[in-house]
Amino acid sequence: MSEETIADLGEFGFVELLKSRLAPASQVILGLGDDAAIVQLENNRVVASTDMLVEGQHFKRDWSSARDIGHRAAAANLADIVATGATPTALLIGLAIPHSTKVDWLIELVDGICEEAALVNAAVVGGDTTKSDNLIISITALGNINETGLSQAPLKRSGAEPGNLVILAGRLGWAEAGLNTLRKGFKSPKLVCDAHRRPKVPYFAGSIAKDFVSSMIDVSDGLLQDLGHIAKASKVHIDIKTVALIPEQEILDVAAALNVDPMIWVMTGGDDHAFVATLPRSRQVPDGFKVIGEVFEGDTQVTVDGKHFLGQKGHDHFKFS
């Protein structure tokens, strides 16, 4: 690995290096290097989302490779786009970088972002850099809504209705189990630790759900927390069933070793980026989803097996856990 740092290369040298590494994409008319990027869209409905990762708060270089961090940063944004029923098209990367950061490390980071974007045929089209005492990664994702066919997009949190089923695609509790394992100083089981380092987002299931569901959200802050957003926006009562959310054996084993109730991770753990949605009963459950609950009339709330969940329902950056 080269010892060259970002201070040695400079801002514009780094931009030129990135330009040489970004693969061309059919939807990009003008990419990195001009004042702004130009992306060709099928219509005039553009979806945008942004997410920020701060070293020490969201990731640690001792735990994750640069490539893993890139994948994770991109996934957080791409999942938000898919949750609205849109097709991701482009990413803009903002980097605040300590001057001693190795260029090779940054290249690995950007490669990870590009690899995750490629999973949904999106492209990195630009961004910005600045100097900082701490490493901060801010990504803005853009998407396109195709209003043809059966699509219910744009999917809003306010679309749930009494009588809808609650359905889930993806894993719950894995990223939280991995985080807790790493916090204890362990690096195995690798499969669980990797769930924190590089979440496996069910992009395909999320993308086909737009033809069926009435609302959808990605589980980034915890199942109960994120379903609470749908319940509040839709003014409904959501009840989920634990019998549909039995943790996998890997999670049970880690929870037993750490003396933790695994259902706490399943209900409140974030960063798995599963998709939870509401579905009219008249429609088929989309491939990759399973039924985990139901929507009712009544007070705006989320219950578990008909009862209130005691404790914090998920992640909140500004609350103490």
Protein backbone atom coordinates (compact mmCIF):
# COMPACT_ATOMS: atom_id res chain seq x y z
CA MET A 1 0.00 0.00 0.00
CA SER A 2 1.27 3.46 -0.88
CA GLU A 3 2.15 5.86 1.93
CA GLU A 4 0.86 8.84 -0.09
CA THR A 5 -1.68 10.85 1.90
CA ILE A 6 -4.47 13.13 0.76
CA ALA A 7 -2.26 16.05 1.80
CA ASP A 8 0.41 14.85 -0.65
CA LEU A 9 -2.04 14.41 -3.52
CA GLY A 10 -4.22 17.48 -2.93
CA GLU A 11 -7.93 17.99 -3.54
CA PHE A 12 -7.79 18.31 -7.32
CA GLY A 13 -5.31 15.50 -7.72
CA PHE A 14 -7.72 13.30 -5.77
CA VAL A 15 -10.62 14.36 -8.01
CA GLU A 16 -8.61 13.47 -11.11
CA LEU A 17 -7.73 10.12 -9.60
CA LEU A 18 -11.40 9.40 -8.93
CA LYS A 19 -12.38 10.43 -12.46
CA SER A 20 -10.05 7.78 -13.83
CA ARG A 21 -11.71 5.08 -11.72
CA LEU A 22 -15.43 5.80 -12.15
CA ALA A 23 -17.02 3.56 -14.74
CA PRO A 24 -19.23 5.21 -17.37
CA ALA A 25 -22.99 4.73 -17.04
CA SER A 26 -25.64 5.15 -19.71
CA GLN A 27 -27.77 7.53 -17.64
CA VAL A 28 -24.88 9.94 -16.92
CA ILE A 29 -24.62 12.78 -19.44
CA LEU A 30 -22.05 14.76 -17.46
CA GLY A 31 -20.25 13.29 -14.48
CA LEU A 32 -17.43 14.18 -12.13
CA GLY A 33 -15.35 17.20 -13.09
CA ASP A 34 -17.87 19.95 -13.89
CA ASP A 35 -19.79 22.27 -11.57
CA ALA A 36 -22.68 19.80 -11.48
CA ALA A 37 -23.56 16.38 -12.85
CA ILE A 38 -26.29 15.81 -15.43
CA VAL A 39 -28.26 12.57 -15.28
CA GLN A 40 -30.80 11.48 -17.89
CA LEU A 41 -34.15 10.50 -16.35
CA GLU A 42 -37.20 8.88 -17.89
CA ASN A 43 -39.55 11.55 -16.55
CA ASN A 44 -39.53 14.58 -14.28
CA ARG A 45 -40.05 12.77 -10.97
CA VAL A 46 -36.75 12.84 -9.11
CA VAL A 47 -36.29 11.27 -5.68
CA ALA A 48 -33.43 12.42 -3.44
CA SER A 49 -32.07 11.23 -0.11
CA THR A 50 -28.97 11.94 1.91
CA ASP A 51 -27.23 10.18 4.77
CA MET A 52 -24.08 10.90 6.77
CA LEU A 53 -21.58 8.60 8.46
CA VAL A 54 -19.16 9.96 11.05
CA GLU A 55 -16.09 8.01 12.15
CA GLY A 56 -16.45 6.87 15.73
CA GLN A 57 -20.21 7.35 15.65
CA HIS A 58 -21.18 5.09 12.73
CA PHE A 59 -18.04 3.12 11.95
CA LYS A 60 -14.56 2.34 13.20
CA ARG A 61 -11.60 1.63 10.97
CA ASP A 62 -10.42 -0.95 13.52
CA TRP A 63 -13.56 -2.97 12.77
CA SER A 64 -14.19 -2.39 9.08
CA SER A 65 -12.15 -2.11 5.90
CA ALA A 66 -12.42 1.00 3.75
CA ARG A 67 -14.32 -1.02 1.16
CA ASP A 68 -16.79 -2.27 3.79
CA ILE A 69 -17.39 1.29 4.97
CA GLY A 70 -18.03 2.38 1.40
CA HIS A 71 -20.57 -0.38 0.86
CA ARG A 72 -22.32 0.50 4.11
CA ALA A 73 -22.45 4.22 3.35
CA ALA A 74 -23.93 3.65 -0.09
CA ALA A 75 -26.42 1.06 1.14
CA ALA A 76 -27.94 3.47 3.65
CA ASN A 77 -28.82 5.88 0.84
CA LEU A 78 -29.78 3.40 -1.86
CA ALA A 79 -32.21 1.63 0.48
CA ASP A 80 -34.01 4.92 1.13
CA ILE A 81 -34.47 5.46 -2.60
CA VAL A 82 -35.79 1.93 -3.17
CA ALA A 83 -38.20 2.32 -0.23
CA THR A 84 -40.03 5.11 -2.08
CA GLY A 85 -40.60 2.87 -5.09
CA ALA A 86 -37.94 4.67 -7.11
CA THR A 87 -35.05 3.29 -9.14
CA PRO A 88 -31.65 4.56 -7.89
CA THR A 89 -29.71 6.36 -10.60
CA ALA A 90 -26.83 8.36 -9.12
CA LEU A 91 -24.78 9.07 -6.01
CA LEU A 92 -22.90 12.22 -4.96
CA ILE A 93 -20.15 11.75 -2.37
CA GLY A 94 -19.14 14.38 0.18
CA LEU A 95 -15.93 13.61 2.08
CA ALA A 96 -14.46 15.52 5.02
CA ILE A 97 -10.99 14.02 5.33
CA PRO A 98 -8.14 14.26 7.87
CA HIS A 99 -4.99 15.36 6.00
CA SER A 100 -3.09 12.24 7.08
CA THR A 101 -5.55 9.84 5.42
CA LYS A 102 -3.87 7.48 2.96
CA VAL A 103 -4.96 7.85 -0.66
CA ASP A 104 -5.09 4.07 -1.08
CA TRP A 105 -7.57 3.88 1.79
CA LEU A 106 -9.77 6.52 0.18
CA ILE A 107 -9.68 4.70 -3.15
CA GLU A 108 -10.85 1.53 -1.40
CA LEU A 109 -13.66 3.53 0.21
CA VAL A 110 -14.85 4.93 -3.11
CA ASP A 111 -14.53 1.51 -4.75
CA GLY A 112 -16.85 0.11 -2.08
CA ILE A 113 -19.38 2.86 -2.74
CA CYS A 114 -19.22 2.19 -6.48
CA GLU A 115 -19.60 -1.57 -6.01
CA GLU A 116 -22.71 -1.15 -3.87
CA ALA A 117 -24.17 1.33 -6.37
CA ALA A 118 -23.54 -1.14 -9.18
CA LEU A 119 -25.85 -3.65 -7.47
CA VAL A 120 -28.76 -1.41 -8.49
CA ASN A 121 -27.19 -0.03 -11.69
CA ALA A 122 -26.58 3.38 -10.14
CA ALA A 123 -23.41 5.43 -10.71
CA VAL A 124 -21.24 7.82 -8.72
CA VAL A 125 -21.42 11.12 -10.61
CA GLY A 126 -19.63 13.65 -8.40
CA GLY A 127 -19.27 15.13 -4.96
CA ASP A 128 -17.03 17.35 -2.85
CA THR A 129 -14.08 17.10 -0.48
CA THR A 130 -12.77 19.19 2.37
CA LYS A 131 -10.29 18.90 5.25
CA SER A 132 -11.50 17.85 8.68
CA ASP A 133 -10.18 16.54 11.98
CA ASN A 134 -12.61 13.60 11.71
CA LEU A 135 -13.56 11.48 8.71
CA ILE A 136 -17.12 12.22 7.60
CA ILE A 137 -18.86 10.56 4.65
CA SER A 138 -22.00 12.21 3.31
CA ILE A 139 -23.78 10.66 0.34
CA THR A 140 -26.71 12.04 -1.61
CA ALA A 141 -28.63 9.52 -3.68
CA LEU A 142 -30.90 10.32 -6.61
CA GLY A 143 -33.60 8.12 -8.07
CA ASN A 144 -36.21 8.07 -10.78
CA ILE A 145 -39.87 7.12 -10.47
CA ASN A 146 -41.33 5.31 -13.44
CA GLU A 147 -45.08 5.86 -13.30
CA THR A 148 -45.93 3.28 -15.94
CA GLY A 149 -47.42 -0.16 -15.36
CA LEU A 150 -48.75 -1.26 -11.96
CA SER A 151 -46.39 0.85 -9.85
CA GLN A 152 -47.87 2.40 -6.71
CA ALA A 153 -44.91 4.81 -6.51
CA PRO A 154 -44.19 7.16 -4.99
CA LEU A 155 -44.63 5.11 -1.85
CA LYS A 156 -45.28 7.28 1.19
CA ARG A 157 -45.28 6.52 4.88
CA SER A 158 -48.86 7.80 4.96
CA GLY A 159 -50.23 5.06 2.68
CA ALA A 160 -51.03 2.35 5.25
CA GLU A 161 -54.72 1.58 5.79
CA PRO A 162 -56.64 -0.53 8.33
CA GLY A 163 -56.85 -4.11 7.12
CA ASN A 164 -53.46 -4.01 5.39
CA LEU A 165 -50.95 -6.73 6.18
CA VAL A 166 -47.47 -5.81 7.40
CA ILE A 167 -44.78 -7.56 5.34
CA LEU A 168 -41.00 -7.78 5.60
CA ALA A 169 -38.11 -8.52 3.24
CA GLY A 170 -34.59 -8.97 4.55
CA ARG A 171 -32.93 -9.72 7.87
CA LEU A 172 -33.48 -8.14 11.28
CA GLY A 173 -31.11 -8.04 14.23
CA TRP A 174 -28.03 -9.11 12.30
CA ALA A 175 -26.28 -5.74 12.11
CA GLU A 176 -27.02 -5.07 15.78
CA ALA A 177 -25.68 -8.49 16.75
CA GLY A 178 -22.54 -7.80 14.73
CA LEU A 179 -22.10 -4.38 16.33
CA ASN A 180 -22.43 -5.80 19.84
CA THR A 181 -19.98 -8.57 19.03
CA LEU A 182 -17.40 -6.10 17.75
CA ARG A 183 -17.93 -3.81 20.73
CA LYS A 184 -17.01 -6.72 23.01
CA GLY A 185 -13.71 -7.07 21.16
CA PHE A 186 -14.61 -10.21 19.21
CA LYS A 187 -14.27 -10.61 15.46
CA SER A 188 -16.26 -13.80 15.08
CA PRO A 189 -18.61 -15.28 14.10
CA LYS A 190 -17.56 -13.57 10.88
CA LEU A 191 -20.99 -13.88 9.26
CA VAL A 192 -22.55 -11.89 12.09
CA CYS A 193 -19.77 -9.28 12.27
CA ASP A 194 -19.96 -8.82 8.50
CA ALA A 195 -23.66 -7.99 8.83
CA HIS A 196 -22.62 -4.79 10.60
CA ARG A 197 -19.69 -4.09 8.30
CA ARG A 198 -21.56 -4.65 5.04
CA PRO A 199 -25.37 -5.06 5.27
CA LYS A 200 -27.09 -7.30 2.72
CA VAL A 201 -29.89 -5.10 1.40
CA PRO A 202 -32.75 -6.95 -0.39
CA TYR A 203 -32.81 -4.44 -3.23
CA PHE A 204 -34.60 -6.75 -5.67
CA ALA A 205 -37.46 -7.52 -3.29
CA GLY A 206 -37.82 -3.84 -2.46
CA SER A 207 -37.86 -2.84 -6.10
CA ILE A 208 -40.65 -5.23 -7.09
CA ALA A 209 -42.76 -4.37 -4.04
CA LYS A 210 -43.73 -1.02 -5.54
CA ASP A 211 -46.28 -2.84 -7.72
CA PHE A 212 -48.09 -4.22 -4.67
CA VAL A 213 -47.69 -2.27 -1.43
CA SER A 214 -49.39 0.82 0.03
CA SER A 215 -46.40 2.09 2.04
CA MET A 216 -42.80 1.04 2.64
CA ILE A 217 -39.78 2.05 4.69
CA ASP A 218 -36.27 0.67 5.08
CA VAL A 219 -35.34 -0.54 8.55
CA SER A 220 -32.38 1.65 9.40
CA ASP A 221 -33.27 2.70 12.96
CA GLY A 222 -35.07 -0.43 14.19
CA LEU A 223 -38.27 -2.24 13.21
CA LEU A 224 -40.44 -0.67 15.91
CA GLN A 225 -38.99 2.79 15.38
CA ASP A 226 -39.45 2.71 11.62
CA LEU A 227 -42.91 1.14 11.71
CA GLY A 228 -43.75 3.91 14.15
CA HIS A 229 -43.09 6.42 11.37
CA ILE A 230 -45.64 4.64 9.15
CA ALA A 231 -48.17 4.41 11.99
CA LYS A 232 -47.82 8.11 12.76
CA ALA A 233 -47.99 9.28 9.14
CA SER A 234 -50.93 6.98 8.34
CA LYS A 235 -52.72 7.50 11.70
CA VAL A 236 -53.11 3.77 12.27
CA HIS A 237 -52.36 1.07 14.83
CA ILE A 238 -49.81 -1.52 13.71
CA ASP A 239 -49.41 -4.84 15.50
CA ILE A 240 -46.57 -7.23 14.73
CA LYS A 241 -46.33 -10.90 15.64
CA THR A 242 -43.18 -12.32 17.22
CA VAL A 243 -43.99 -15.79 15.88
CA ALA A 244 -43.13 -14.42 12.41
CA LEU A 245 -39.80 -12.99 13.58
CA ILE A 246 -37.96 -15.91 15.17
CA PRO A 247 -34.22 -15.09 15.03
CA GLU A 248 -31.87 -17.27 12.99
CA GLN A 249 -29.63 -19.72 14.84
CA GLU A 250 -26.54 -17.52 14.34
CA ILE A 251 -28.27 -14.67 16.18
CA LEU A 252 -29.52 -16.98 18.93
CA ASP A 253 -25.97 -18.26 19.49
CA VAL A 254 -24.44 -14.78 19.71
CA ALA A 255 -27.23 -13.53 21.98
CA ALA A 256 -26.70 -16.47 24.33
CA ALA A 257 -22.95 -15.82 24.43
CA LEU A 258 -23.50 -12.13 25.22
CA ASN A 259 -26.43 -12.80 27.59
CA VAL A 260 -28.83 -10.66 25.55
CA ASP A 261 -32.46 -11.25 24.57
CA PRO A 262 -32.19 -11.73 20.78
CA MET A 263 -35.68 -10.32 20.23
CA ILE A 264 -34.41 -6.95 21.43
CA TRP A 265 -32.02 -6.93 18.47
CA VAL A 266 -34.77 -8.04 16.10
CA MET A 267 -37.24 -5.40 17.29
CA THR A 268 -34.93 -2.44 17.80
CA GLY A 269 -31.67 -3.11 15.94
CA GLY A 270 -30.87 -0.80 13.04
CA ASP A 271 -28.74 -0.80 9.90
CA ASP A 272 -29.95 -4.10 8.40
CA HIS A 273 -31.84 -2.08 5.77
CA ALA A 274 -34.59 -4.64 5.46
CA PHE A 275 -37.79 -3.36 3.86
CA VAL A 276 -41.04 -3.34 5.84
CA ALA A 277 -44.24 -2.47 4.01
CA THR A 278 -48.02 -2.54 4.23
CA LEU A 279 -50.02 -4.57 1.75
CA PRO A 280 -53.73 -4.55 0.86
CA ARG A 281 -55.16 -8.03 1.49
CA SER A 282 -56.40 -8.21 -2.09
CA ARG A 283 -52.83 -8.21 -3.40
CA GLN A 284 -50.30 -11.01 -3.55
CA VAL A 285 -47.40 -10.98 -1.10
CA PRO A 286 -44.40 -10.01 -3.28
CA ASP A 287 -41.51 -12.42 -3.75
CA GLY A 288 -38.99 -12.16 -0.95
CA PHE A 289 -41.49 -10.84 1.61
CA LYS A 290 -43.29 -12.53 4.50
CA VAL A 291 -46.25 -11.41 6.61
CA ILE A 292 -45.28 -10.20 10.10
CA GLY A 293 -48.33 -8.25 11.27
CA GLU A 294 -51.45 -6.26 10.53
CA VAL A 295 -52.74 -2.68 10.39
CA PHE A 296 -55.78 -1.65 12.46
CA GLU A 297 -57.89 1.40 13.14
CA GLY A 298 -57.26 3.03 16.49
CA ASP A 299 -54.67 5.03 18.35
CA THR A 300 -51.43 5.71 16.50
CA GLN A 301 -49.08 3.09 17.91
CA VAL A 302 -47.03 -0.01 17.23
CA THR A 303 -47.65 -3.02 19.45
CA VAL A 304 -46.01 -6.43 19.70
CA ASP A 305 -48.42 -9.35 20.06
CA GLY A 306 -51.06 -6.82 21.06
CA LYS A 307 -48.98 -5.33 23.88
CA HIS A 308 -46.91 -2.18 24.28
CA PHE A 309 -43.16 -2.69 23.93
CA LEU A 310 -41.26 -1.47 26.96
CA GLY A 311 -38.00 0.35 26.36
CA GLN A 312 -36.42 2.30 23.53
CA LYS A 313 -37.87 1.27 20.18
CA GLY A 314 -34.78 1.88 18.08
CA HIS A 315 -31.95 4.24 17.27
CA ASP A 316 -32.14 7.99 17.86
CA HIS A 317 -28.93 10.00 17.37
CA PHE A 318 -29.81 12.52 20.06
CA LYS A 319 -31.18 10.27 22.79
CA PHE A 320 -29.14 8.37 25.33
CA SER A 321 -29.70 4.62 25.24
